[in-house]
Amino acid sequence: MFKIKTLNDIAPEGLELLNANYAISTSEDPDGILVRSANLLELPFEPSLKAIARAGVGVNNIPIERAAQAGIVVFNTPGANANAVKEIVLAALLISSREIPSSIEWTKTLLDKGKDIPKLVEAGKSNFTGPELKGKTLGVIGLGAVGVLVANAANSLGMTVLGYDPYISVDSAWGLSRSVKRSLSYDEIFAASDYLTLHVPFVDETKNLINEKTIAKMKTGVRILNFARGELINDSAISEALDQGKVAKYVTDFPNEDVLKMKNTIAIPHLGASTPESEVNCAMMAVREISDYLDNGNIKNSVNYPDCDMGLCHSDARIAFNHQNIPGMVSAITTVLGEHKLNIASMQNMSKKTWAYTLVDVDGLISDEIVENLNKITGVVKVRVLKGFVN
């Protein structure tokens, strides 16, 4: 039986997907961990731990590389909260244009004005006018699960939508409306957009993507939305652009001390994925990922090991290898199996940067001696027998 430890409240709809071979446990030797926001950066990893599934997208609370070195696969749940984020981005488009938040706050000041309120409303409403979205150009940077939904929805609102993503997946491309126009560079999308929304991960290449130089390439009066990661935007650069009127409005889901001081900024307290539906979707996806890995060795949506899927094992045994991405690994594995007279029925070897993963189905059973010899292979960090083990 596999023991699963939960470090946050995980939606019960997700936990209910665990079959009788699983137990939710508080023990210190779990096989898997389900987590949302709990900080695992200093958590010591028990030898029993095989997988961590984050019910959400961001994994900055998990030591990704340290986990890889221990042969622990870390999963996240991209797309599970995509609709929730899409909806708040659409709201942000509207409130960045129509001065809705400031007009509501102003209306509250009319309390106790009695019969004069209607007259004061008519006199004051001209201070809160703003443009319609229809006919304006929205630039969507990043066409993953969220970006595609935002692009399609904005297109339905009558906006001209430009999309830029040099790494767009086949699945995302299939889901993108034909009316969304493809931009060939950042500069092209910067120059053309009345509104700009970011939906890219935070990596070295995207840090401070919006900065003094890139803002200079944009239209005066552009409205910028950031519901991806706070670090994508240089705070000092956008603050100056807001002061000068180059940027008309900035809506962000990532407040900090500097952001809260900026003019013409709407700071939202990280509500992008905060819906009950999103929590359920993330929990269900995380449970499916971790259970398929523990049961069958299949990997989907890992951030430190490559995707690898061989379905169910129909041979006598299945062995999973977490290992370094180095030459000769497949040869070393097959040599050991051959020495023990095990015929390989099917095999898949996948790599992701410095780490790799191999699944092997064999005809024959796996003994302690075979596992011991496989663990001696240089570069192998974990060997798991998923089926067909005999003492």
Protein backbone atom coordinates (compact mmCIF):
# COMPACT_ATOMS: atom_id res chain seq x y z
CA MET A 1 0.00 0.00 0.00
CA PHE A 2 1.23 3.50 -0.86
CA LYS A 3 1.21 6.15 1.85
CA ILE A 4 0.30 9.70 0.75
CA LYS A 5 1.03 12.67 2.96
CA THR A 6 -0.94 15.91 2.51
CA LEU A 7 0.79 19.13 3.58
CA ASN A 8 -2.20 21.38 2.87
CA ASP A 9 -5.93 20.92 2.63
CA ILE A 10 -6.45 19.03 -0.62
CA ALA A 11 -9.95 19.08 -2.10
CA PRO A 12 -11.73 15.83 -1.11
CA GLU A 13 -12.88 15.36 -4.71
CA GLY A 14 -9.23 14.72 -5.52
CA LEU A 15 -8.47 12.43 -2.60
CA GLU A 16 -11.51 10.33 -3.45
CA LEU A 17 -9.75 9.29 -6.66
CA LEU A 18 -7.18 7.29 -4.67
CA ASN A 19 -7.99 3.60 -4.81
CA ALA A 20 -7.77 0.96 -2.08
CA ASN A 21 -4.04 0.67 -2.63
CA TYR A 22 -3.54 4.12 -1.08
CA ALA A 23 -3.78 5.53 2.42
CA ILE A 24 -3.66 9.16 3.53
CA SER A 25 -0.97 9.13 6.17
CA THR A 26 0.74 11.51 8.57
CA SER A 27 3.78 9.23 8.86
CA GLU A 28 7.29 10.42 8.21
CA ASP A 29 7.97 7.81 5.51
CA PRO A 30 5.44 8.62 2.76
CA ASP A 31 5.63 7.36 -0.79
CA GLY A 32 4.11 10.57 -2.10
CA ILE A 33 3.31 14.10 -0.99
CA LEU A 34 0.37 16.24 -2.10
CA VAL A 35 0.97 19.93 -1.51
CA ARG A 36 -0.35 23.36 -2.40
CA SER A 37 1.53 26.26 -0.81
CA ALA A 38 3.42 24.60 2.07
CA ASN A 39 7.14 25.34 2.05
CA LEU A 40 9.18 22.22 1.29
CA LEU A 41 12.47 23.99 0.59
CA GLU A 42 14.09 22.82 3.82
CA LEU A 43 12.15 19.56 4.14
CA PRO A 44 14.42 16.51 4.48
CA PHE A 45 13.45 13.81 2.00
CA GLU A 46 12.85 10.34 3.40
CA PRO A 47 14.22 7.42 1.33
CA SER A 48 10.64 6.22 0.87
CA LEU A 49 9.57 9.39 -0.98
CA LYS A 50 9.08 8.86 -4.70
CA ALA A 51 6.91 11.77 -5.87
CA ILE A 52 5.59 15.20 -4.95
CA ALA A 53 2.50 16.61 -6.65
CA ARG A 54 1.76 20.32 -6.40
CA ALA A 55 -1.96 21.09 -6.75
CA GLY A 56 -1.25 24.23 -8.75
CA VAL A 57 1.25 25.53 -11.26
CA GLY A 58 3.97 27.37 -9.34
CA VAL A 59 6.60 25.18 -7.71
CA ASN A 60 8.85 27.78 -6.08
CA ASN A 61 7.98 26.19 -2.71
CA ILE A 62 9.61 22.89 -3.74
CA PRO A 63 13.37 22.18 -4.12
CA ILE A 64 13.16 20.91 -7.69
CA GLU A 65 16.80 20.03 -8.29
CA ARG A 66 17.32 18.46 -4.87
CA ALA A 67 14.31 16.29 -5.52
CA ALA A 68 15.67 15.23 -8.91
CA GLN A 69 18.96 14.24 -7.33
CA ALA A 70 17.03 12.00 -4.92
CA GLY A 71 15.03 10.42 -7.76
CA ILE A 72 11.84 12.18 -6.66
CA VAL A 73 9.54 13.26 -9.48
CA VAL A 74 7.86 16.64 -8.92
CA PHE A 75 4.53 17.25 -10.67
CA ASN A 76 2.42 20.35 -11.11
CA THR A 77 -1.02 20.83 -12.64
CA PRO A 78 -0.82 23.17 -15.66
CA GLY A 79 -4.19 24.00 -17.12
CA ALA A 80 -6.24 22.85 -14.14
CA ASN A 81 -6.81 26.44 -13.04
CA ALA A 82 -6.74 27.92 -16.56
CA ASN A 83 -10.41 28.88 -16.70
CA ALA A 84 -10.24 30.64 -13.34
CA VAL A 85 -7.27 32.72 -14.48
CA LYS A 86 -8.91 33.44 -17.84
CA GLU A 87 -11.98 34.84 -16.13
CA ILE A 88 -10.01 37.18 -13.86
CA VAL A 89 -7.95 38.38 -16.83
CA LEU A 90 -11.18 39.28 -18.64
CA ALA A 91 -12.27 41.19 -15.54
CA ALA A 92 -8.89 42.94 -15.51
CA LEU A 93 -9.33 44.01 -19.12
CA LEU A 94 -12.58 45.69 -18.17
CA ILE A 95 -11.44 47.34 -14.95
CA SER A 96 -8.26 48.59 -16.62
CA SER A 97 -10.42 50.47 -19.13
CA ARG A 98 -13.60 51.61 -17.44
CA GLU A 99 -12.24 53.02 -14.14
CA ILE A 100 -14.66 50.75 -12.32
CA PRO A 101 -12.71 50.35 -9.01
CA SER A 102 -12.03 54.09 -8.59
CA SER A 103 -15.60 55.01 -9.53
CA ILE A 104 -16.97 52.63 -6.89
CA GLU A 105 -14.69 54.14 -4.25
CA TRP A 106 -15.79 57.63 -5.27
CA THR A 107 -19.45 56.67 -5.07
CA LYS A 108 -18.93 55.61 -1.45
CA THR A 109 -17.96 59.22 -0.62
CA LEU A 110 -21.51 60.30 -1.47
CA LEU A 111 -22.88 58.62 1.62
CA ASP A 112 -25.13 60.95 3.64
CA LYS A 113 -25.71 63.26 0.65
CA GLY A 114 -29.32 62.14 0.60
CA LYS A 115 -31.46 63.48 -2.22
CA ASP A 116 -28.42 65.10 -3.87
CA ILE A 117 -26.83 61.72 -4.70
CA PRO A 118 -28.42 61.28 -8.17
CA LYS A 119 -27.40 64.82 -9.17
CA LEU A 120 -23.86 64.34 -7.83
CA VAL A 121 -23.55 61.01 -9.67
CA GLU A 122 -24.49 62.64 -12.97
CA ALA A 123 -22.07 65.47 -12.36
CA GLY A 124 -19.18 63.23 -11.33
CA LYS A 125 -19.42 60.30 -13.72
CA SER A 126 -17.47 62.05 -16.47
CA ASN A 127 -14.34 61.67 -14.34
CA PHE A 128 -14.49 57.91 -14.82
CA THR A 129 -14.93 57.41 -18.54
CA GLY A 130 -12.85 54.83 -20.36
CA PRO A 131 -12.57 53.08 -23.72
CA GLU A 132 -14.44 50.00 -24.85
CA LEU A 133 -12.56 46.80 -25.61
CA LYS A 134 -14.22 46.18 -28.95
CA GLY A 135 -11.94 47.05 -31.84
CA LYS A 136 -8.84 47.40 -29.66
CA THR A 137 -5.75 45.20 -30.01
CA LEU A 138 -4.79 42.75 -27.28
CA GLY A 139 -1.33 41.23 -27.27
CA VAL A 140 -1.11 37.85 -25.56
CA ILE A 141 2.43 36.77 -24.71
CA GLY A 142 2.44 33.05 -23.94
CA LEU A 143 -0.07 30.72 -25.56
CA GLY A 144 -0.26 27.91 -23.08
CA ALA A 145 -3.42 26.74 -21.34
CA VAL A 146 -4.33 30.19 -19.97
CA GLY A 147 -3.09 32.27 -22.89
CA VAL A 148 -5.15 30.34 -25.43
CA LEU A 149 -8.34 30.74 -23.39
CA VAL A 150 -7.71 34.46 -22.92
CA ALA A 151 -6.96 34.97 -26.62
CA ASN A 152 -10.10 33.15 -27.72
CA ALA A 153 -12.32 34.95 -25.21
CA ALA A 154 -10.94 38.38 -26.12
CA ASN A 155 -11.51 37.59 -29.78
CA SER A 156 -15.15 36.82 -28.96
CA LEU A 157 -15.40 40.27 -27.34
CA GLY A 158 -14.53 41.87 -30.65
CA MET A 159 -10.88 42.59 -29.94
CA THR A 160 -8.11 42.11 -32.46
CA VAL A 161 -5.88 39.53 -30.79
CA LEU A 162 -2.18 39.03 -31.46
CA GLY A 163 -0.40 36.04 -29.93
CA TYR A 164 3.29 35.37 -29.47
CA ASP A 165 4.79 32.14 -28.20
CA PRO A 166 7.86 30.63 -29.88
CA TYR A 167 7.33 27.40 -27.94
CA ILE A 168 3.61 26.87 -28.52
CA SER A 169 2.60 23.23 -28.17
CA VAL A 170 0.60 21.27 -30.71
CA ASP A 171 -2.32 20.99 -28.27
CA SER A 172 -2.36 24.74 -27.69
CA ALA A 173 -2.15 25.44 -31.41
CA TRP A 174 -5.16 23.20 -32.05
CA GLY A 175 -7.16 25.06 -29.40
CA LEU A 176 -6.35 28.55 -30.63
CA SER A 177 -8.99 30.38 -32.67
CA ARG A 178 -8.05 30.95 -36.30
CA SER A 179 -8.92 34.60 -35.80
CA VAL A 180 -5.97 35.07 -33.44
CA LYS A 181 -3.10 36.53 -35.41
CA ARG A 182 0.41 35.26 -34.90
CA SER A 183 3.16 37.73 -34.04
CA LEU A 184 6.70 36.81 -34.99
CA SER A 185 8.54 38.67 -32.24
CA TYR A 186 8.17 40.49 -28.95
CA ASP A 187 8.86 43.78 -30.70
CA GLU A 188 5.97 43.27 -33.11
CA ILE A 189 3.48 42.56 -30.36
CA PHE A 190 4.79 45.42 -28.20
CA ALA A 191 4.35 47.93 -31.02
CA ALA A 192 0.83 46.88 -31.99
CA SER A 193 -0.94 46.29 -28.67
CA ASP A 194 -3.38 48.58 -26.88
CA TYR A 195 -3.55 45.99 -24.12
CA LEU A 196 -0.84 43.50 -23.19
CA THR A 197 -1.30 40.37 -21.05
CA LEU A 198 1.47 38.03 -19.91
CA HIS A 199 1.08 34.26 -19.61
CA VAL A 200 4.63 32.92 -19.60
CA PRO A 201 6.56 31.08 -16.87
CA PHE A 202 9.19 32.85 -14.80
CA VAL A 203 12.57 31.64 -16.04
CA ASP A 204 15.88 33.37 -16.71
CA GLU A 205 14.75 34.36 -20.21
CA THR A 206 11.55 36.03 -19.00
CA LYS A 207 12.82 37.81 -15.89
CA ASN A 208 12.07 41.54 -16.27
CA LEU A 209 10.57 40.89 -19.69
CA ILE A 210 8.75 44.19 -19.29
CA ASN A 211 11.45 46.75 -18.66
CA GLU A 212 12.49 50.25 -19.67
CA LYS A 213 13.59 49.20 -23.17
CA THR A 214 10.57 47.05 -23.96
CA ILE A 215 8.12 49.65 -22.62
CA ALA A 216 9.72 52.22 -24.93
CA LYS A 217 8.63 50.05 -27.89
CA MET A 218 4.97 50.10 -26.80
CA LYS A 219 2.15 52.46 -27.68
CA THR A 220 1.61 55.42 -25.39
CA GLY A 221 -1.38 54.61 -23.22
CA VAL A 222 -0.92 50.84 -23.28
CA ARG A 223 -2.59 48.88 -20.51
CA ILE A 224 -0.55 45.98 -19.06
CA LEU A 225 -1.93 42.94 -17.24
CA ASN A 226 0.18 40.48 -15.26
CA PHE A 227 -1.45 37.36 -13.87
CA ALA A 228 1.57 35.10 -14.49
CA ARG A 229 4.48 36.01 -12.20
CA GLY A 230 5.47 39.27 -10.53
CA GLU A 231 9.11 38.93 -11.59
CA LEU A 232 8.19 39.26 -15.27
CA ILE A 233 7.88 43.02 -14.83
CA ASN A 234 10.55 45.43 -13.64
CA ASP A 235 8.84 47.48 -10.94
CA SER A 236 10.92 50.62 -11.29
CA ALA A 237 10.51 50.68 -15.08
CA ILE A 238 6.73 50.35 -15.02
CA SER A 239 6.43 52.82 -12.15
CA GLU A 240 8.24 55.44 -14.19
CA ALA A 241 6.14 54.61 -17.26
CA LEU A 242 2.95 55.05 -15.22
CA ASP A 243 4.16 58.39 -13.89
CA GLN A 244 4.91 59.60 -17.42
CA GLY A 245 1.65 58.30 -18.90
CA LYS A 246 3.40 55.90 -21.26
CA VAL A 247 1.48 53.10 -19.51
CA ALA A 248 -2.12 54.08 -18.80
CA LYS A 249 -2.93 51.31 -16.36
CA TYR A 250 -1.21 48.36 -14.74
CA VAL A 251 -3.19 45.45 -13.28
CA THR A 252 -1.25 42.83 -11.36
CA ASP A 253 -2.03 39.82 -9.21
CA PHE A 254 1.28 40.20 -7.35
CA PRO A 255 1.30 43.17 -4.96
CA ASN A 256 4.41 44.27 -3.13
CA GLU A 257 5.48 47.44 -1.35
CA ASP A 258 6.61 49.14 -4.55
CA VAL A 259 3.53 48.12 -6.54
CA LEU A 260 1.18 49.50 -3.88
CA LYS A 261 2.83 52.92 -4.20
CA MET A 262 2.37 53.14 -7.99
CA LYS A 263 -0.20 55.43 -9.57
CA ASN A 264 -2.81 54.05 -11.97
CA THR A 265 -2.22 50.54 -10.68
CA ILE A 266 -4.79 47.97 -9.64
CA ALA A 267 -3.22 45.42 -7.30
CA ILE A 268 -5.20 42.21 -6.76
CA PRO A 269 -4.21 39.88 -3.88
CA HIS A 270 -3.18 36.85 -5.97
CA LEU A 271 -6.73 35.75 -6.75
CA GLY A 272 -6.06 34.32 -10.21
CA ALA A 273 -6.74 30.69 -9.33
CA SER A 274 -8.78 31.28 -6.17
CA THR A 275 -12.00 29.55 -7.07
CA PRO A 276 -13.46 26.39 -5.55
CA GLU A 277 -13.65 24.88 -9.03
CA SER A 278 -9.95 25.51 -9.59
CA GLU A 279 -8.98 23.91 -6.29
CA VAL A 280 -10.98 20.81 -7.15
CA ASN A 281 -9.52 20.60 -10.67
CA CYS A 282 -5.97 20.98 -9.37
CA ALA A 283 -6.48 18.36 -6.66
CA MET A 284 -7.95 15.84 -9.07
CA MET A 285 -5.17 16.39 -11.61
CA ALA A 286 -2.44 16.11 -8.95
CA VAL A 287 -3.89 12.85 -7.60
CA ARG A 288 -4.15 11.34 -11.07
CA GLU A 289 -0.53 12.27 -11.83
CA ILE A 290 0.97 10.93 -8.62
CA SER A 291 -1.08 7.71 -8.64
CA ASP A 292 -0.27 6.93 -12.29
CA TYR A 293 3.40 7.39 -11.46
CA LEU A 294 3.35 5.25 -8.33
CA ASP A 295 1.18 2.52 -9.90
CA ASN A 296 2.50 2.43 -13.47
CA GLY A 297 5.65 4.53 -13.57
CA ASN A 298 4.15 6.98 -16.07
CA ILE A 299 5.14 10.64 -15.90
CA LYS A 300 3.06 13.56 -17.12
CA ASN A 301 3.54 17.22 -16.17
CA SER A 302 6.75 16.81 -14.20
CA VAL A 303 8.95 19.86 -13.74
CA ASN A 304 12.19 17.96 -13.13
CA TYR A 305 11.87 14.72 -15.13
CA PRO A 306 10.64 14.15 -18.69
CA ASP A 307 7.20 12.95 -19.68
CA CYS A 308 7.15 9.20 -20.22
CA ASP A 309 4.06 7.03 -20.72
CA MET A 310 3.86 3.31 -21.50
CA GLY A 311 0.31 2.82 -20.24
CA LEU A 312 -0.34 -0.36 -18.28
CA CYS A 313 2.21 -3.12 -18.09
CA HIS A 314 1.15 -6.27 -19.95
CA SER A 315 4.45 -8.08 -19.46
CA ASP A 316 5.71 -10.02 -16.44
CA ALA A 317 7.48 -7.06 -14.89
CA ARG A 318 8.08 -3.31 -15.19
CA ILE A 319 11.12 -1.42 -13.91
CA ALA A 320 11.47 2.38 -13.63
CA PHE A 321 14.81 4.20 -13.59
CA ASN A 322 15.43 7.79 -12.49
CA HIS A 323 18.90 8.66 -13.72
CA GLN A 324 21.27 11.29 -14.98
CA ASN A 325 21.11 12.16 -18.66
CA ILE A 326 24.48 10.71 -19.63
CA PRO A 327 25.72 8.60 -22.57
CA GLY A 328 25.63 4.83 -22.30
CA MET A 329 22.79 4.60 -19.79
CA VAL A 330 20.44 2.54 -21.97
CA SER A 331 23.26 0.21 -22.90
CA ALA A 332 24.19 -0.28 -19.25
CA ILE A 333 20.59 -1.07 -18.28
CA THR A 334 20.05 -3.55 -21.10
CA THR A 335 23.38 -5.23 -20.36
CA VAL A 336 22.40 -5.97 -16.76
CA LEU A 337 18.98 -7.23 -17.83
CA GLY A 338 20.56 -9.43 -20.49
CA GLU A 339 23.01 -10.90 -18.01
CA HIS A 340 20.02 -12.04 -15.96
CA LYS A 341 18.31 -13.58 -19.01
CA LEU A 342 15.48 -11.03 -19.04
CA ASN A 343 13.96 -10.28 -22.43
CA ILE A 344 12.90 -6.65 -23.00
CA ALA A 345 9.30 -6.53 -24.19
CA SER A 346 9.12 -2.72 -24.50
CA MET A 347 11.20 0.24 -23.42
CA GLN A 348 11.04 4.03 -23.36
CA ASN A 349 13.89 6.38 -22.52
CA MET A 350 13.26 10.12 -22.23
CA SER A 351 15.42 13.03 -21.14
CA LYS A 352 14.94 16.55 -19.80
CA LYS A 353 18.06 18.68 -19.49
CA THR A 354 20.38 16.93 -17.01
CA TRP A 355 17.90 14.26 -15.93
CA ALA A 356 16.37 11.27 -17.69
CA TYR A 357 13.89 8.51 -17.07
CA THR A 358 13.58 5.00 -18.44
CA LEU A 359 10.71 2.52 -18.26
CA VAL A 360 11.33 -1.11 -19.18
CA ASP A 361 8.83 -3.98 -19.45
CA VAL A 362 10.46 -7.40 -19.37
CA ASP A 363 9.52 -11.06 -19.70
CA GLY A 364 10.57 -12.61 -16.41
CA LEU A 365 10.57 -11.66 -12.74
CA ILE A 366 12.83 -9.25 -10.85
CA SER A 367 14.88 -10.35 -7.86
CA ASP A 368 16.78 -8.44 -5.17
CA GLU A 369 20.02 -9.32 -6.93
CA ILE A 370 18.86 -7.76 -10.19
CA VAL A 371 17.79 -4.57 -8.42
CA GLU A 372 21.11 -4.43 -6.59
CA ASN A 373 23.05 -4.70 -9.86
CA LEU A 374 20.86 -2.07 -11.56
CA ASN A 375 21.46 0.34 -8.68
CA LYS A 376 25.22 -0.03 -9.21
CA ILE A 377 24.99 1.57 -12.66
CA THR A 378 26.76 4.93 -12.62
CA GLY A 379 24.23 7.76 -12.84
CA VAL A 380 21.20 5.80 -11.61
CA VAL A 381 19.62 7.49 -8.59
CA LYS A 382 16.52 5.34 -8.08
CA VAL A 383 15.28 1.95 -9.33
CA ARG A 384 11.67 0.91 -8.77
CA VAL A 385 10.11 -2.43 -9.56
CA LEU A 386 6.47 -1.67 -10.29
CA LYS A 387 5.41 -5.20 -11.15
CA GLY A 388 6.96 -8.66 -11.06
CA PHE A 389 9.19 -8.44 -7.99
CA VAL A 390 10.09 -11.67 -6.17
CA ASN A 391 12.22 -12.12 -3.06
